[in-house]
Every structure is written in C-alpha cells, then in structure tokens.
Amino acid sequence: MNLKNVIIASFLFLTLNSFSQNWDKIEAKDGIHYISHYMHNINLDILGKYLYNGQEPVVELNEYGIGFYQLHDQPKRPMIWGLECDESGALLYKKGFDNAKYILWYQYTTKLEGDTEEDTTWKSVEFTFHFNTHKIFIQGERSKDYKE
C-alpha cells in the first residue's frame, strides 16, 4: 500500500510540474533555445505596439506569445514570440550601464506566396530597455515607452 501511494504522489507531482512549465523549447538554425512568453514569468511592461518613427512598420506583442511583425515595405504578419530564457525559465539578459538587452525570438504563423524556408524559421532580434529614457526598442528602431 505504501509503494502505491508513493507512485501516485510521484505521478501527480510530475503531472503538475509539466503543466506549470514557464517556457517553450524551440529549434532555430543555430540550435535549441528556450523562450518564455508567459507574462507572470516575464514581469515586464512589454506588451503593445512598437513603431518605427511613430508609424509603420510595426511590431505588436500581445499576451500568450502572439502578435504581429511587419518588415519594411511588407504586410503586417501574425507571429508567435518569446524572450530567451534558460532551461528553468529564467530570462537571459545582459545588463549595461543604463540598459538591459534581451533576445526576442519570433516566427511567422502564416506563409505568404514566395516565402522561402528561411522566412518561416525562428528569428532573433535585440530587445532593449533604456532606463533613462523609459523606452523599449526592438531591433534598435521600433520603440514604445514604458512605465516602471
């Protein structure tokens, strides 16, 4: 009877642990990476629209890792996204004097005519917080203001 209880408890622990996972495993051209798009794990004010000089092209980050990514002179396309983290779900970043740099991974969820395999793979871009100006930048050119 005791062994049965241990097996049941172990099974429940493993099941609950797998449902509480705060990250996803992705495969990019350069190997395996881990990303998080669960807002309770990120705890940063990152959702919203990132504009290029106040207009399109736009990047839009929405809850649960969905959004839109628009390249210059291209249509706005739906995508999934996440910030790079380690295997335990802790975000990876580099802290500078007045900024912090994260890596944003995204992948388009639709395929357009003429897309190559390269167009549909996971891509990474810099995602930086600038503390003095209270701005967040994607690729150094699309920005949004944030509040602490």
Protein backbone atom coordinates (compact mmCIF):
# COMPACT_ATOMS: atom_id res chain seq x y z
CA MET A 1 0.00 0.00 0.00
CA ASN A 2 2.83 2.40 0.84
CA LEU A 3 4.56 1.85 -2.53
CA LYS A 4 1.27 2.53 -4.30
CA ASN A 5 0.92 5.91 -2.51
CA VAL A 6 4.49 6.87 -3.43
CA ILE A 7 3.86 6.03 -7.09
CA ILE A 8 0.62 8.03 -7.15
CA ALA A 9 2.25 11.01 -5.42
CA SER A 10 5.19 10.91 -7.85
CA PHE A 11 2.85 10.75 -10.82
CA LEU A 12 0.82 13.73 -9.56
CA PHE A 13 3.99 15.74 -8.89
CA LEU A 14 5.35 15.09 -12.40
CA THR A 15 1.98 15.88 -13.99
CA LEU A 16 1.58 19.18 -12.11
CA ASN A 17 5.19 20.10 -12.80
CA SER A 18 4.74 19.62 -16.54
CA PHE A 19 1.66 21.87 -16.55
CA SER A 20 3.44 24.61 -14.60
CA GLN A 21 6.25 24.93 -17.14
CA ASN A 22 7.04 28.57 -17.88
CA TRP A 23 8.97 28.16 -21.12
CA ASP A 24 8.92 26.57 -24.55
CA LYS A 25 11.73 24.81 -26.38
CA ILE A 26 12.34 25.98 -29.96
CA GLU A 27 14.74 24.90 -32.67
CA ALA A 28 16.44 27.65 -34.68
CA LYS A 29 19.15 27.45 -37.33
CA ASP A 30 21.84 27.72 -34.65
CA GLY A 31 20.35 25.07 -32.33
CA ILE A 32 17.94 24.67 -29.43
CA HIS A 33 16.77 27.72 -27.46
CA TYR A 34 14.24 28.27 -24.68
CA ILE A 35 11.72 31.11 -24.73
CA SER A 36 9.12 32.46 -22.36
CA HIS A 37 6.02 34.41 -23.31
CA TYR A 38 4.08 33.90 -20.11
CA MET A 39 3.56 37.34 -18.60
CA HIS A 40 3.71 36.14 -14.98
CA ASN A 41 7.23 34.89 -15.73
CA ILE A 42 8.41 37.96 -17.65
CA ASN A 43 7.08 40.61 -15.22
CA LEU A 44 7.97 43.48 -17.60
CA ASP A 45 5.77 46.08 -19.30
CA ILE A 46 6.45 44.81 -22.83
CA LEU A 47 3.03 44.26 -24.39
CA GLY A 48 1.86 46.73 -27.01
CA LYS A 49 2.83 48.29 -30.33
CA TYR A 50 6.39 49.16 -31.26
CA LEU A 51 6.51 51.78 -34.01
CA TYR A 52 9.19 52.96 -36.41
CA ASN A 53 9.41 56.75 -36.03
CA GLY A 54 5.81 56.79 -34.77
CA GLN A 55 4.38 54.83 -37.72
CA GLU A 56 4.62 51.54 -39.63
CA PRO A 57 6.35 49.15 -39.89
CA VAL A 58 5.05 47.89 -36.56
CA VAL A 59 5.74 45.05 -34.17
CA GLU A 60 2.86 44.16 -31.86
CA LEU A 61 3.41 41.95 -28.83
CA ASN A 62 0.24 40.54 -27.29
CA GLU A 63 -0.37 38.18 -24.39
CA TYR A 64 0.39 34.48 -24.57
CA GLY A 65 3.14 34.93 -27.16
CA ILE A 66 1.07 36.06 -30.12
CA GLY A 67 1.29 39.24 -32.14
CA PHE A 68 2.31 40.79 -35.46
CA TYR A 69 5.65 41.55 -37.07
CA GLN A 70 5.99 43.84 -40.06
CA LEU A 71 9.18 44.28 -42.06
CA HIS A 72 9.86 47.43 -44.08
CA ASP A 73 7.67 47.60 -47.22
CA GLN A 74 5.95 44.33 -46.25
CA PRO A 75 2.48 43.47 -44.92
CA LYS A 76 1.88 43.01 -41.19
CA ARG A 77 2.07 39.26 -40.46
CA PRO A 78 0.85 37.20 -37.50
CA MET A 79 3.57 35.59 -35.42
CA ILE A 80 4.39 33.83 -32.19
CA TRP A 81 7.11 35.25 -29.96
CA GLY A 82 9.03 34.82 -26.73
CA LEU A 83 12.01 36.17 -24.81
CA GLU A 84 15.04 33.90 -24.50
CA CYS A 85 15.39 32.15 -21.17
CA ASP A 86 17.34 29.28 -19.66
CA GLU A 87 16.07 25.73 -19.18
CA SER A 88 14.44 26.68 -15.88
CA GLY A 89 12.51 29.62 -17.40
CA ALA A 90 14.71 32.45 -16.02
CA LEU A 91 15.10 35.24 -18.60
CA LEU A 92 18.56 35.72 -20.08
CA TYR A 93 19.80 39.30 -20.47
CA LYS A 94 22.89 41.47 -20.46
CA LYS A 95 22.84 44.50 -18.20
CA GLY A 96 24.58 47.64 -19.39
CA PHE A 97 25.19 50.96 -17.66
CA ASP A 98 21.69 52.31 -18.36
CA ASN A 99 20.06 49.48 -20.32
CA ALA A 100 19.32 45.78 -20.45
CA LYS A 101 19.40 43.65 -23.60
CA TYR A 102 17.18 40.63 -24.10
CA ILE A 103 16.72 38.44 -27.17
CA LEU A 104 13.26 38.34 -28.74
CA TRP A 105 12.53 35.24 -30.83
CA TYR A 106 9.66 35.26 -33.33
CA GLN A 107 8.24 33.02 -36.03
CA TYR A 108 5.55 33.84 -38.58
CA THR A 109 2.40 31.72 -38.30
CA THR A 110 1.30 32.25 -41.91
CA LYS A 111 3.13 31.58 -45.12
CA LEU A 112 3.00 34.05 -47.99
CA GLU A 113 3.44 33.23 -51.63
CA GLY A 114 7.14 33.40 -52.38
CA ASP A 115 8.25 32.67 -48.80
CA THR A 116 11.35 30.55 -48.51
CA GLU A 117 12.11 28.10 -45.73
CA GLU A 118 14.26 30.85 -44.20
CA ASP A 119 11.17 33.10 -43.96
CA THR A 120 9.30 30.58 -41.82
CA THR A 121 12.08 29.73 -39.31
CA TRP A 122 12.58 31.21 -35.84
CA LYS A 123 14.42 34.54 -35.95
CA SER A 124 16.07 36.51 -33.16
CA VAL A 125 16.29 40.28 -32.72
CA GLU A 126 17.62 42.53 -29.97
CA PHE A 127 15.08 43.73 -27.43
CA THR A 128 16.50 46.52 -25.27
CA PHE A 129 15.26 48.51 -22.27
CA HIS A 130 16.70 52.01 -21.88
CA PHE A 131 16.15 53.04 -18.27
CA ASN A 132 16.94 56.77 -18.56
CA THR A 133 14.51 57.41 -21.43
CA HIS A 134 11.92 54.78 -20.40
CA LYS A 135 11.89 53.30 -23.90
CA ILE A 136 11.98 49.74 -25.20
CA PHE A 137 13.46 49.07 -28.63
CA ILE A 138 13.09 46.12 -30.99
CA GLN A 139 15.97 45.89 -33.47
CA GLY A 140 17.08 49.34 -32.29
CA GLU A 141 14.49 51.05 -34.50
CA ARG A 142 10.97 50.26 -33.31
CA SER A 143 10.11 51.62 -29.91
CA LYS A 144 7.50 52.09 -27.25
CA ASP A 145 7.51 53.97 -23.96
CA TYR A 146 7.18 52.01 -20.73
CA LYS A 147 6.32 52.74 -17.13
CA GLU A 148 8.17 51.34 -14.15
